[in-house]
C-alpha atoms as a PDB file:
ATOM      1  CA  MET A   1      90.330 142.011  93.201  1.00  0.00           C
ATOM      2  CA  LYS A   2      90.587 138.940  90.825  1.00  0.00           C
ATOM      3  CA  ASN A   3      87.246 137.591  92.202  1.00  0.00           C
ATOM      4  CA  PHE A   4      85.714 141.017  91.573  1.00  0.00           C
ATOM      5  CA  ARG A   5      86.860 141.093  87.950  1.00  0.00           C
ATOM      6  CA  THR A   6      85.502 137.647  87.409  1.00  0.00           C
ATOM      7  CA  LEU A   7      82.158 138.656  88.912  1.00  0.00           C
ATOM      8  CA  CYS A   8      82.064 141.724  86.698  1.00  0.00           C
ATOM      9  CA  ALA A   9      82.810 139.709  83.578  1.00  0.00           C
ATOM     10  CA  SER A  10      80.045 137.148  84.444  1.00  0.00           C
ATOM     11  CA  THR A  11      77.593 139.998  85.076  1.00  0.00           C
ATOM     12  CA  VAL A  12      78.366 141.544  81.636  1.00  0.00           C
ATOM     13  CA  LEU A  13      77.850 138.178  79.881  1.00  0.00           C
ATOM     14  CA  ILE A  14      74.511 137.667  81.644  1.00  0.00           C
ATOM     15  CA  LEU A  15      73.363 141.252  80.712  1.00  0.00           C
ATOM     16  CA  TYR A  16      74.344 140.633  77.065  1.00  0.00           C
ATOM     17  CA  ALA A  17      72.227 137.498  77.071  1.00  0.00           C
ATOM     18  CA  LEU A  18      69.259 139.211  78.737  1.00  0.00           C
ATOM     19  CA  LEU A  19      69.498 142.193  76.462  1.00  0.00           C
ATOM     20  CA  ALA A  20      69.899 140.003  73.360  1.00  0.00           C
ATOM     21  CA  GLY A  21      66.638 138.242  74.236  1.00  0.00           C
ATOM     22  CA  ALA A  22      64.800 141.432  75.088  1.00  0.00           C
ATOM     23  CA  SER A  23      65.901 143.378  72.034  1.00  0.00           C
ATOM     24  CA  ILE A  24      64.565 141.070  69.365  1.00  0.00           C
ATOM     25  CA  ASP A  25      61.390 142.469  67.930  1.00  0.00           C
ATOM     26  CA  SER A  26      58.324 140.600  66.641  1.00  0.00           C
ATOM     27  CA  ASN A  27      59.940 140.150  63.246  1.00  0.00           C
ATOM     28  CA  GLY A  28      62.993 138.470  64.811  1.00  0.00           C
ATOM     29  CA  ASP A  29      65.263 141.409  64.201  1.00  0.00           C
ATOM     30  CA  PHE A  30      67.654 143.111  66.668  1.00  0.00           C
ATOM     31  CA  GLU A  31      66.603 146.611  67.680  1.00  0.00           C
ATOM     32  CA  GLY A  32      69.021 149.463  66.962  1.00  0.00           C
ATOM     33  CA  TRP A  33      69.532 150.355  70.688  1.00  0.00           C
ATOM     34  CA  PHE A  34      70.959 146.960  71.381  1.00  0.00           C
ATOM     35  CA  ILE A  35      73.531 147.349  68.653  1.00  0.00           C
ATOM     36  CA  ALA A  36      74.522 150.735  70.230  1.00  0.00           C
ATOM     37  CA  LEU A  37      74.734 149.039  73.635  1.00  0.00           C
ATOM     38  CA  CYS A  38      77.071 146.444  72.212  1.00  0.00           C
ATOM     39  CA  ILE A  39      79.428 149.199  71.232  1.00  0.00           C
ATOM     40  CA  ILE A  40      79.105 151.238  74.465  1.00  0.00           C
ATOM     41  CA  VAL A  41      79.633 148.373  76.882  1.00  0.00           C
ATOM     42  CA  PRO A  42      83.042 147.270  75.650  1.00  0.00           C
ATOM     43  CA  ILE A  43      84.153 150.868  75.516  1.00  0.00           C
ATOM     44  CA  VAL A  44      83.094 151.206  79.171  1.00  0.00           C
ATOM     45  CA  ILE A  45      84.986 148.104  80.158  1.00  0.00           C
ATOM     46  CA  ILE A  46      88.165 149.309  78.472  1.00  0.00           C
ATOM     47  CA  LEU A  47      87.915 152.591  80.146  1.00  0.00           C
ATOM     48  CA  VAL A  48      87.583 150.911  83.599  1.00  0.00           C
ATOM     49  CA  ILE A  49      90.668 148.777  82.851  1.00  0.00           C
ATOM     50  CA  ILE A  50      92.532 151.934  81.817  1.00  0.00           C
ATOM     51  CA  VAL A  51      91.553 153.692  84.941  1.00  0.00           C
ATOM     52  CA  TYR A  52      92.447 150.651  87.078  1.00  0.00           C
ATOM     53  CA  LYS A  53      95.977 150.387  85.480  1.00  0.00           C
ATOM     54  CA  ALA A  54      96.463 154.146  85.840  1.00  0.00           C
ATOM     55  CA  ASN A  55      95.591 153.930  89.623  1.00  0.00           C
ATOM     56  CA  LEU A  56      97.932 151.004  89.999  1.00  0.00           C
ATOM     57  CA  ASP A  57     100.710 152.943  88.334  1.00  0.00           C
ATOM     58  CA  THR A  58     100.090 155.839  90.591  1.00  0.00           C
ATOM     59  CA  GLU A  59     100.307 153.619  93.639  1.00  0.00           C
ATOM     60  CA  LYS A  60     103.539 152.237  92.385  1.00  0.00           C
ATOM     61  CA  ASP A  61     105.008 155.737  91.935  1.00  0.00           C
ATOM     62  CA  ASN A  62     103.754 156.672  95.442  1.00  0.00           C
ATOM     63  CA  ALA A  63     105.438 153.653  96.951  1.00  0.00           C
ATOM     64  CA  ARG A  64     108.712 154.209  95.157  1.00  0.00           C
ATOM     65  CA  LYS A  65     109.008 157.844  96.257  1.00  0.00           C
ATOM     66  CA  ASN A  66     110.030 156.836  99.831  1.00  0.00           C
ATOM     67  CA  ILE A  67     112.627 154.245  98.756  1.00  0.00           C
ATOM     68  CA  PRO A  68     116.201 155.259  99.674  1.00  0.00           C
ATOM     69  CA  ASN A  69     118.704 155.372  96.876  1.00  0.00           C
ATOM     70  CA  THR A  70     120.795 152.663  98.509  1.00  0.00           C
ATOM     71  CA  TYR A  71     118.254 150.025  97.632  1.00  0.00           C
ATOM     72  CA  THR A  72     118.549 147.987  94.383  1.00  0.00           C
ATOM     73  CA  LEU A  73     115.544 146.442  92.704  1.00  0.00           C
ATOM     74  CA  GLU A  74     115.757 142.636  92.900  1.00  0.00           C
ATOM     75  CA  TYR A  75     112.360 141.616  91.414  1.00  0.00           C
ATOM     76  CA  GLU A  76     109.353 143.410  89.993  1.00  0.00           C
ATOM     77  CA  GLY A  77     105.923 141.931  89.464  1.00  0.00           C
ATOM     78  CA  ASP A  78     102.436 143.232  88.692  1.00  0.00           C
ATOM     79  CA  HIS A  79     101.575 143.773  92.341  1.00  0.00           C
ATOM     80  CA  SER A  80     104.845 143.452  94.214  1.00  0.00           C
ATOM     81  CA  GLU A  81     108.437 144.489  94.129  1.00  0.00           C
ATOM     82  CA  PHE A  82     111.545 143.383  96.218  1.00  0.00           C
ATOM     83  CA  TYR A  83     114.643 145.410  96.921  1.00  0.00           C
ATOM     84  CA  TYR A  84     117.926 144.890  98.773  1.00  0.00           C
ATOM     85  CA  ASP A  85     120.305 147.301 100.365  1.00  0.00           C
ATOM     86  CA  SER A  86     123.789 145.770 100.343  1.00  0.00           C
ATOM     87  CA  ASP A  87     125.272 148.711 102.257  1.00  0.00           C
ATOM     88  CA  ASN A  88     122.925 148.583 105.199  1.00  0.00           C
ATOM     89  CA  GLN A  89     121.980 144.937 104.785  1.00  0.00           C
ATOM     90  CA  LYS A  90     118.147 145.311 104.584  1.00  0.00           C
ATOM     91  CA  ILE A  91     115.363 143.812 102.497  1.00  0.00           C
ATOM     92  CA  LEU A  92     112.485 146.014 101.238  1.00  0.00           C
ATOM     93  CA  ALA A  93     109.168 144.470 100.020  1.00  0.00           C
ATOM     94  CA  ILE A  94     106.283 146.482  98.469  1.00  0.00           C
ATOM     95  CA  ALA A  95     102.756 145.102  97.874  1.00  0.00           C
ATOM     96  CA  TYR A  96     100.187 147.296  96.222  1.00  0.00           C
ATOM     97  CA  ASP A  97      96.843 147.351  94.373  1.00  0.00           C
ATOM     98  CA  ALA A  98      95.044 150.216  92.693  1.00  0.00           C
ATOM     99  CA  SER A  99      94.029 151.930  95.893  1.00  0.00           C
ATOM    100  CA  SER A 100      96.754 151.298  98.460  1.00  0.00           C
ATOM    101  CA  HIS A 101     100.234 149.867  99.113  1.00  0.00           C
ATOM    102  CA  LYS A 102     102.264 148.528 101.940  1.00  0.00           C
ATOM    103  CA  ILE A 103     105.925 148.549 102.564  1.00  0.00           C
ATOM    104  CA  LEU A 104     107.875 146.070 104.718  1.00  0.00           C
ATOM    105  CA  GLU A 105     111.597 146.506 105.684  1.00  0.00           C
ATOM    106  CA  ILE A 106     113.605 143.549 107.157  1.00  0.00           C
ATOM    107  CA  PRO A 107     116.959 144.533 108.741  1.00  0.00           C
ATOM    108  CA  ASN A 108     120.157 142.625 109.483  1.00  0.00           C
ATOM    109  CA  VAL A 109     120.177 140.454 106.447  1.00  0.00           C
ATOM    110  CA  ILE A 110     123.342 139.561 104.540  1.00  0.00           C
ATOM    111  CA  LYS A 111     122.381 138.337 101.141  1.00  0.00           C
ATOM    112  CA  ARG A 112     124.184 135.445  99.578  1.00  0.00           C
ATOM    113  CA  LYS A 113     121.538 134.172  97.185  1.00  0.00           C
ATOM    114  CA  SER A 114     118.032 135.213  96.283  1.00  0.00           C
ATOM    115  CA  PHE A 115     115.329 134.175  93.919  1.00  0.00           C
ATOM    116  CA  ASN A 116     111.523 134.507  93.517  1.00  0.00           C
ATOM    117  CA  TYR A 117     108.312 133.199  91.892  1.00  0.00           C
ATOM    118  CA  VAL A 118     105.722 135.952  91.242  1.00  0.00           C
ATOM    119  CA  ASN A 119     104.855 137.122  94.727  1.00  0.00           C
ATOM    120  CA  TRP A 120     107.194 134.787  96.701  1.00  0.00           C
ATOM    121  CA  TYR A 121     110.641 136.062  97.510  1.00  0.00           C
ATOM    122  CA  PHE A 122     113.464 133.941  99.072  1.00  0.00           C
ATOM    123  CA  MET A 123     116.780 135.125 100.347  1.00  0.00           C
ATOM    124  CA  VAL A 124     119.689 133.027 101.887  1.00  0.00           C
ATOM    125  CA  ASP A 125     121.793 134.471 104.646  1.00  0.00           C
ATOM    126  CA  ASP A 126     124.619 132.127 105.411  1.00  0.00           C
ATOM    127  CA  SER A 127     126.360 134.595 107.742  1.00  0.00           C
ATOM    128  CA  ASN A 128     123.441 134.651 110.090  1.00  0.00           C
ATOM    129  CA  GLU A 129     122.292 131.126 109.211  1.00  0.00           C
ATOM    130  CA  GLN A 130     118.746 132.108 108.233  1.00  0.00           C
ATOM    131  CA  LEU A 131     116.339 131.754 105.374  1.00  0.00           C
ATOM    132  CA  ILE A 132     114.055 134.819 104.762  1.00  0.00           C
ATOM    133  CA  ILE A 133     110.717 134.227 103.057  1.00  0.00           C
ATOM    134  CA  VAL A 134     108.491 137.133 101.980  1.00  0.00           C
ATOM    135  CA  HIS A 135     104.979 136.723 100.475  1.00  0.00           C
ATOM    136  CA  THR A 136     102.960 139.587  98.967  1.00  0.00           C
ATOM    137  CA  GLU A 137      99.303 139.464  98.106  1.00  0.00           C
ATOM    138  CA  ALA A 138      97.029 142.388  97.220  1.00  0.00           C
ATOM    139  CA  ALA A 139      98.303 145.222  99.535  1.00  0.00           C
ATOM    140  CA  THR A 140      99.410 142.851 102.328  1.00  0.00           C
ATOM    141  CA  ILE A 141     102.888 141.411 103.096  1.00  0.00           C
ATOM    142  CA  THR A 142     103.786 138.493 105.282  1.00  0.00           C
ATOM    143  CA  HIS A 143     107.306 137.229 106.041  1.00  0.00           C
ATOM    144  CA  ARG A 144     108.992 134.484 107.978  1.00  0.00           C
ATOM    145  CA  ILE A 145     112.636 134.109 109.014  1.00  0.00           C
ATOM    146  CA  LEU A 146     113.671 130.445 109.360  1.00  0.00           C
ATOM    147  CA  LEU A 147     116.732 129.587 111.225  1.00  0.00           C
ATOM    148  CA  PHE A 148     118.881 126.924 109.682  1.00  0.00           C
ATOM    149  CA  LYS A 149     119.076 124.959 112.907  1.00  0.00           C
ATOM    150  CA  GLU A 150     115.308 124.642 113.116  1.00  0.00           C
ATOM    151  CA  ILE A 151     114.777 123.323 109.600  1.00  0.00           C
ATOM    152  CA  CYS A 152     114.389 119.472 109.908  1.00  0.00           C
ATOM    153  CA  GLY A 153     112.373 118.387 106.935  1.00  0.00           C
ATOM    154  CA  ILE A 154     110.742 119.146 103.585  1.00  0.00           C
ATOM    155  CA  GLU A 155     107.844 117.706 101.657  1.00  0.00           C
ATOM    156  CA  ILE A 156     106.671 118.587  98.091  1.00  0.00           C
ATOM    157  CA  SER A 157     103.221 117.849  96.748  1.00  0.00           C
ATOM    158  CA  GLU A 158     101.575 118.182  93.372  1.00  0.00           C
ATOM    159  CA  ASN A 159      97.750 118.239  93.320  1.00  0.00           C
ATOM    160  CA  GLY A 160      97.742 117.161  96.926  1.00  0.00           C
ATOM    161  CA  TYR A 161      99.974 114.123  96.375  1.00  0.00           C
ATOM    162  CA  SER A 162     103.376 113.877  98.037  1.00  0.00           C
ATOM    163  CA  ILE A 163     106.227 113.561  95.396  1.00  0.00           C
ATOM    164  CA  PHE A 164     109.212 114.160  97.580  1.00  0.00           C
ATOM    165  CA  ARG A 165     109.954 113.935 101.301  1.00  0.00           C
ATOM    166  CA  LYS A 166     113.115 114.310 103.333  1.00  0.00           C
ATOM    167  CA  SER A 167     113.782 114.857 107.065  1.00  0.00           C
ATOM    168  CA  THR A 168     116.483 114.482 109.560  1.00  0.00           C
ATOM    169  CA  SER A 169     114.719 111.811 111.741  1.00  0.00           C
ATOM    170  CA  SER A 170     114.199 108.089 110.953  1.00  0.00           C
ATOM    171  CA  VAL A 171     115.535 108.535 107.391  1.00  0.00           C
ATOM    172  CA  VAL A 172     117.439 105.287 107.375  1.00  0.00           C
ATOM    173  CA  GLY A 173     114.578 103.376 109.071  1.00  0.00           C
ATOM    174  CA  ARG A 174     112.052 104.479 106.408  1.00  0.00           C
ATOM    175  CA  ALA A 175     114.336 103.625 103.690  1.00  0.00           C
ATOM    176  CA  LEU A 176     114.949 100.098 104.945  1.00  0.00           C
ATOM    177  CA  VAL A 177     111.282  99.468 105.472  1.00  0.00           C
ATOM    178  CA  GLY A 178     109.743 101.300 102.482  1.00  0.00           C
ATOM    179  CA  GLY A 179     112.425 101.584  99.754  1.00  0.00           C
ATOM    180  CA  ILE A 180     115.981 102.604  99.071  1.00  0.00           C
ATOM    181  CA  LEU A 181     118.086 105.732  99.492  1.00  0.00           C
ATOM    182  CA  LEU A 182     118.562 107.623  96.264  1.00  0.00           C
ATOM    183  CA  GLY A 183     121.935 109.209  95.656  1.00  0.00           C
ATOM    184  CA  ASP A 184     123.359 112.069  97.664  1.00  0.00           C
ATOM    185  CA  THR A 185     120.096 113.750  98.312  1.00  0.00           C
ATOM    186  CA  GLY A 186     118.736 110.840 100.455  1.00  0.00           C
ATOM    187  CA  ALA A 187     115.445 110.941  98.718  1.00  0.00           C
ATOM    188  CA  ILE A 188     113.295 107.941  99.651  1.00  0.00           C
ATOM    189  CA  ILE A 189     111.573 105.849  97.065  1.00  0.00           C
ATOM    190  CA  GLY A 190     108.647 103.674  98.258  1.00  0.00           C
ATOM    191  CA  GLY A 191     108.962 105.031 101.850  1.00  0.00           C
ATOM    192  CA  THR A 192     106.389 107.794 101.333  1.00  0.00           C
ATOM    193  CA  THR A 193     102.799 108.220 100.031  1.00  0.00           C
ATOM    194  CA  ALA A 194     103.113 109.270  96.423  1.00  0.00           C
ATOM    195  CA  ARG A 195     101.175 109.305  93.184  1.00  0.00           C
ATOM    196  CA  SER A 196     101.064 106.095  91.249  1.00  0.00           C
ATOM    197  CA  GLU A 197     101.585 107.983  87.961  1.00  0.00           C
ATOM    198  CA  GLU A 198     103.569 111.101  87.197  1.00  0.00           C
ATOM    199  CA  THR A 199     101.655 113.751  85.439  1.00  0.00           C
ATOM    200  CA  LYS A 200     103.094 116.670  83.482  1.00  0.00           C
ATOM    201  CA  MET A 201     100.352 119.163  84.355  1.00  0.00           C
ATOM    202  CA  PHE A 202      99.273 120.206  87.941  1.00  0.00           C
ATOM    203  CA  ASP A 203      96.719 122.450  89.491  1.00  0.00           C
ATOM    204  CA  SER A 204      98.572 123.017  92.724  1.00  0.00           C
ATOM    205  CA  TYR A 205     102.220 122.877  93.864  1.00  0.00           C
ATOM    206  CA  LYS A 206     103.140 123.121  97.479  1.00  0.00           C
ATOM    207  CA  ILE A 207     106.243 122.930  99.644  1.00  0.00           C
ATOM    208  CA  ILE A 208     105.961 122.136 103.342  1.00  0.00           C
ATOM    209  CA  ILE A 209     108.951 122.896 105.505  1.00  0.00           C
ATOM    210  CA  GLN A 210     109.082 121.017 108.778  1.00  0.00           C
ATOM    211  CA  LEU A 211     110.522 122.945 111.698  1.00  0.00           C
ATOM    212  CA  SER A 212     111.717 122.020 115.242  1.00  0.00           C
ATOM    213  CA  ASN A 213     109.558 124.823 116.593  1.00  0.00           C
ATOM    214  CA  ILE A 214     106.654 124.019 118.963  1.00  0.00           C
ATOM    215  CA  ASP A 215     104.786 127.200 118.276  1.00  0.00           C
ATOM    216  CA  ALA A 216     105.047 126.863 114.516  1.00  0.00           C
ATOM    217  CA  PRO A 217     105.990 123.253 113.479  1.00  0.00           C
ATOM    218  CA  ILE A 218     105.483 123.725 109.715  1.00  0.00           C
ATOM    219  CA  TYR A 219     105.573 126.473 107.114  1.00  0.00           C
ATOM    220  CA  GLU A 220     103.641 126.044 103.888  1.00  0.00           C
ATOM    221  CA  ILE A 221     104.381 127.626 100.497  1.00  0.00           C
ATOM    222  CA  GLU A 222     101.637 127.419  97.946  1.00  0.00           C
ATOM    223  CA  PHE A 223     103.374 128.207  94.723  1.00  0.00           C
ATOM    224  CA  PHE A 224     100.742 127.548  92.142  1.00  0.00           C
ATOM    225  CA  ASP A 225      97.014 127.687  91.812  1.00  0.00           C
ATOM    226  CA  LEU A 226      95.375 127.233  88.440  1.00  0.00           C
ATOM    227  CA  ALA A 227      92.718 129.705  89.255  1.00  0.00           C
ATOM    228  CA  PHE A 228      95.279 132.585  89.413  1.00  0.00           C
ATOM    229  CA  VAL A 229      96.947 131.843  86.049  1.00  0.00           C
ATOM    230  CA  ARG A 230      95.686 133.348  82.785  1.00  0.00           C
ATOM    231  CA  ASP A 231      94.772 131.063  79.897  1.00  0.00           C
ATOM    232  CA  GLY A 232      97.646 130.214  77.688  1.00  0.00           C
ATOM    233  CA  ALA A 233     100.184 130.782  80.343  1.00  0.00           C
ATOM    234  CA  ILE A 234      99.708 127.601  82.466  1.00  0.00           C
ATOM    235  CA  GLU A 235     102.692 125.630  81.043  1.00  0.00           C
ATOM    236  CA  GLU A 236     104.986 128.609  81.355  1.00  0.00           C
ATOM    237  CA  ALA A 237     103.834 129.243  84.898  1.00  0.00           C
ATOM    238  CA  GLN A 238     104.459 125.571  85.804  1.00  0.00           C
ATOM    239  CA  ASN A 239     107.975 125.676  84.436  1.00  0.00           C
ATOM    240  CA  ARG A 240     108.707 128.789  86.444  1.00  0.00           C
ATOM    241  CA  VAL A 241     107.281 127.193  89.629  1.00  0.00           C
ATOM    242  CA  LYS A 242     109.555 124.058  89.220  1.00  0.00           C
ATOM    243  CA  ILE A 243     112.648 126.249  88.609  1.00  0.00           C
ATOM    244  CA  CYS A 244     111.976 128.252  91.839  1.00  0.00           C
ATOM    245  CA  ALA A 245     110.919 125.112  93.796  1.00  0.00           C
ATOM    246  CA  ASN A 246     114.041 123.257  92.751  1.00  0.00           C
ATOM    247  CA  GLN A 247     116.194 126.082  93.894  1.00  0.00           C
ATOM    248  CA  LEU A 248     114.500 126.071  97.307  1.00  0.00           C
ATOM    249  CA  LYS A 249     114.548 122.338  97.471  1.00  0.00           C
ATOM    250  CA  SER A 250     118.367 122.326  96.879  1.00  0.00           C
ATOM    251  CA  ILE A 251     118.990 124.898  99.655  1.00  0.00           C
ATOM    252  CA  LEU A 252     116.718 123.165 102.125  1.00  0.00           C
ATOM    253  CA  LEU A 253     118.339 119.777 101.445  1.00  0.00           C
ATOM    254  CA  THR A 254     121.818 121.321 101.968  1.00  0.00           C
ATOM    255  CA  ILE A 255     120.602 122.761 105.310  1.00  0.00           C
ATOM    256  CA  ILE A 256     118.979 119.462 106.349  1.00  0.00           C
ATOM    257  CA  LYS A 257     122.222 117.577 105.601  1.00  0.00           C
ATOM    258  CA  SER A 258     124.193 120.031 107.556  1.00  0.00           C
ATOM    259  CA  ASN A 259     121.807 119.656 110.461  1.00  0.00           C
ATOM    260  CA  GLU A 260     122.108 115.910 110.243  1.00  0.00           C
ATOM    261  CA  PHE A 261     125.867 116.091 110.407  1.00  0.00           C
ATOM    262  CA  ALA A 262     125.610 118.472 113.440  1.00  0.00           C
ATOM    263  CA  LEU A 263     123.291 115.943 115.153  1.00  0.00           C
ATOM    264  CA  ASP A 264     125.680 113.086 114.401  1.00  0.00           C
ATOM    265  CA  MET A 265     128.562 115.125 115.745  1.00  0.00           C
ATOM    266  CA  GLN A 266     126.562 115.855 118.877  1.00  0.00           C
ATOM    267  CA  LYS A 267     125.897 112.141 119.354  1.00  0.00           C
ATOM    268  CA  VAL A 268     129.575 111.344 118.861  1.00  0.00           C
ATOM    269  CA  GLN A 269     130.525 114.001 121.355  1.00  0.00           C
ATOM    270  CA  ALA A 270     128.006 112.737 123.890  1.00  0.00           C
ATOM    271  CA  GLN A 271     129.253 109.167 123.496  1.00  0.00           C
ATOM    272  CA  ALA A 272     132.919 110.434 123.875  1.00  0.00           C
ATOM    273  CA  ILE A 273     132.010 112.296 127.108  1.00  0.00           C
ATOM    274  CA  MET A 274     130.104 109.312 128.486  1.00  0.00           C
ATOM    275  CA  GLN A 275     133.041 107.060 127.798  1.00  0.00           C
ATOM    276  CA  ALA A 276     135.460 109.529 129.340  1.00  0.00           C
ATOM    277  CA  GLU A 277     133.306 109.770 132.416  1.00  0.00           C
ATOM    278  CA  MET A 278     133.100 105.999 132.768  1.00  0.00           C
ATOM    279  CA  GLN A 279     136.910 105.658 132.259  1.00  0.00           C
ATOM    280  CA  GLN A 280     137.491 108.360 134.941  1.00  0.00           C
ATOM    281  CA  LYS A 281     135.091 106.616 137.308  1.00  0.00           C
ATOM    282  CA  PHE A 282     136.866 103.299 136.714  1.00  0.00           C
ATOM    283  CA  LEU A 283     140.260 104.785 137.376  1.00  0.00           C
ATOM    284  CA  GLU A 284     139.081 106.468 140.569  1.00  0.00           C
ATOM    285  CA  THR A 285     137.520 103.180 141.709  1.00  0.00           C
ATOM    286  CA  LYS A 286     140.678 101.280 140.985  1.00  0.00           C
ATOM    287  CA  GLU A 287     142.793 103.880 142.791  1.00  0.00           C
ATOM    288  CA  ILE A 288     140.509 103.862 145.846  1.00  0.00           C
ATOM    289  CA  ALA A 289     140.768  99.977 145.932  1.00  0.00           C
ATOM    290  CA  ALA A 290     144.543 100.120 145.758  1.00  0.00           C
ATOM    291  CA  LEU A 291     144.684 102.661 148.686  1.00  0.00           C
ATOM    292  CA  GLU A 292     142.384 100.424 150.640  1.00  0.00           C
ATOM    293  CA  GLU A 293     144.627  97.395 149.975  1.00  0.00           C
ATOM    294  CA  LYS A 294     147.659  99.318 150.892  1.00  0.00           C
ATOM    295  CA  LYS A 295     146.043 100.567 154.049  1.00  0.00           C
ATOM    296  CA  ASP A 296     145.011  97.000 155.102  1.00  0.00           C
ATOM    297  CA  THR A 297     148.500  95.694 154.449  1.00  0.00           C
ATOM    298  CA  SER A 298     149.992  98.596 156.558  1.00  0.00           C
ATOM    299  CA  ILE A 299     147.809  97.880 159.496  1.00  0.00           C
ATOM    300  CA  ALA A 300     148.617  94.139 159.360  1.00  0.00           C
ATOM    301  CA  ASP A 301     152.346  94.927 159.483  1.00  0.00           C
ATOM    302  CA  GLU A 302     151.902  97.257 162.394  1.00  0.00           C
ATOM    303  CA  LEU A 303     150.002  94.595 164.332  1.00  0.00           C
ATOM    304  CA  LEU A 304     152.758  92.113 163.726  1.00  0.00           C
ATOM    305  CA  LYS A 305     155.325  94.508 165.087  1.00  0.00           C
ATOM    306  CA  LEU A 306     153.183  95.241 168.171  1.00  0.00           C
ATOM    307  CA  SER A 307     152.790  91.488 168.746  1.00  0.00           C
ATOM    308  CA  GLU A 308     156.502  90.864 168.498  1.00  0.00           C
ATOM    309  CA  LEU A 309     157.190  93.734 171.066  1.00  0.00           C
ATOM    310  CA  HIS A 310     154.586  92.291 173.425  1.00  0.00           C
ATOM    311  CA  LYS A 311     156.066  88.697 173.143  1.00  0.00           C
ATOM    312  CA  ASN A 312     159.584  90.122 173.925  1.00  0.00           C
ATOM    313  CA  GLY A 313     158.343  91.798 177.058  1.00  0.00           C
ATOM    314  CA  ILE A 314     159.053  95.279 175.685  1.00  0.00           C
ATOM    315  CA  LEU A 315     155.302  96.200 175.898  1.00  0.00           C
ATOM    316  CA  THR A 316     153.106  95.394 178.856  1.00  0.00           C
ATOM    317  CA  ASP A 317     149.674  93.920 178.395  1.00  0.00           C
ATOM    318  CA  GLU A 318     148.103  97.316 179.015  1.00  0.00           C
ATOM    319  CA  GLU A 319     150.330  99.014 176.605  1.00  0.00           C
ATOM    320  CA  TYR A 320     149.806  96.384 173.873  1.00  0.00           C
ATOM    321  CA  GLU A 321     146.111  96.522 174.180  1.00  0.00           C
ATOM    322  CA  ALA A 322     146.051 100.315 174.041  1.00  0.00           C
ATOM    323  CA  LEU A 323     148.273 100.622 170.960  1.00  0.00           C
ATOM    324  CA  LYS A 324     146.308  97.817 169.220  1.00  0.00           C
ATOM    325  CA  LYS A 325     143.077  99.508 169.819  1.00  0.00           C
ATOM    326  CA  LYS A 326     144.346 102.852 168.554  1.00  0.00           C
ATOM    327  CA  LEU A 327     145.804 101.199 165.473  1.00  0.00           C
ATOM    328  CA  LEU A 328     142.525  99.371 164.639  1.00  0.00           C
END
C-alpha cells in the first residue's frame, strides 16, 4: 500500500510536469485548462485519501464487532491493535488495511509485562516461561512463542553493524581474548565486531535472538526502516525504537542469565553425581578387596589345622588330601 501511494505521488508529479510543458502557448503563457486542472487534481487526491481513510475505519469497525467484552485494548496503531483477556488468558491481535482485516488469537498466556513498537507487540509470560512476539503488517499477522529455556543469545545492530552481543556460550573466553566484561550485564567490549564510531542517527535497527532450536536457530526483529517513517518524525521514531529495544534487551539478558545459572547448576550436579559414583565404586572395590583378603586368611588357617590333624595321625593321608582339595 505504501509503495502504491509513492507510485501515485510520483505519477502525479510527472503529469504536472508534462501538462505544464504542454499548456504553455506560443506567447509563453499558461492556458486556462491547465489552471483548472491544477485545482481539480488536488481535489481528486484529497477525495481518494478521504475514501481510503473511511474504508480503513470501516474495516476497523468490522473487526471490533467480533471482539468479546472480556478483551481489554493494550495498544492501538494505524494498521494494528492488540488486546488481552486477563480472565481467559488470551492475546488478540488485529491487522487491517482499507479492504480487509485478519484476527489472531493466542491462548494460554499469563501476562506479566507487555510493550510494543508500532506493529511489534511483546508479552512476557513468567508462569509458562515464554516470550510471545506478534508482528502485524498490512492485513497479515505473524507470531512466535519463544520458550525461556531455548533463548541463548542476543545481538543488536544499527545500520548493519553490531553494537551489542551476549550469549550463554564462550562468554568468558571471548572477553579474555577480545576485551573485558562490563558490569552485571556481561556485555563484551572489543570481543565483537562493532562500529568504529557511534552515530546518533540510524536507518535500520535490528535485534537477533539466538535460539537452541535446530529448526529455527535465530529470530530477527527489524524495528526500524527509514523508508517507512514520515519526514519530520525520524528522531521521534528512533527514540521510540530504542525505548522498546531496551525493554526487550533487558528481558532477554535476564533470561540468558537465568539460563546460564541453570547450565552452571547442571554442570555442578553432573560433577557431584560423577564424584559420588567414583566414591561408590572406590568403596565397593575396597570392600571386595577386604573380603578377598579375609577369605585368603581363612583358607590359610584351615589348611594349618588340617596339617596339624594329619601330623598327629588323626587324619589319614586319603582324608587329608580329600579335605585339602575340597577346601582349595
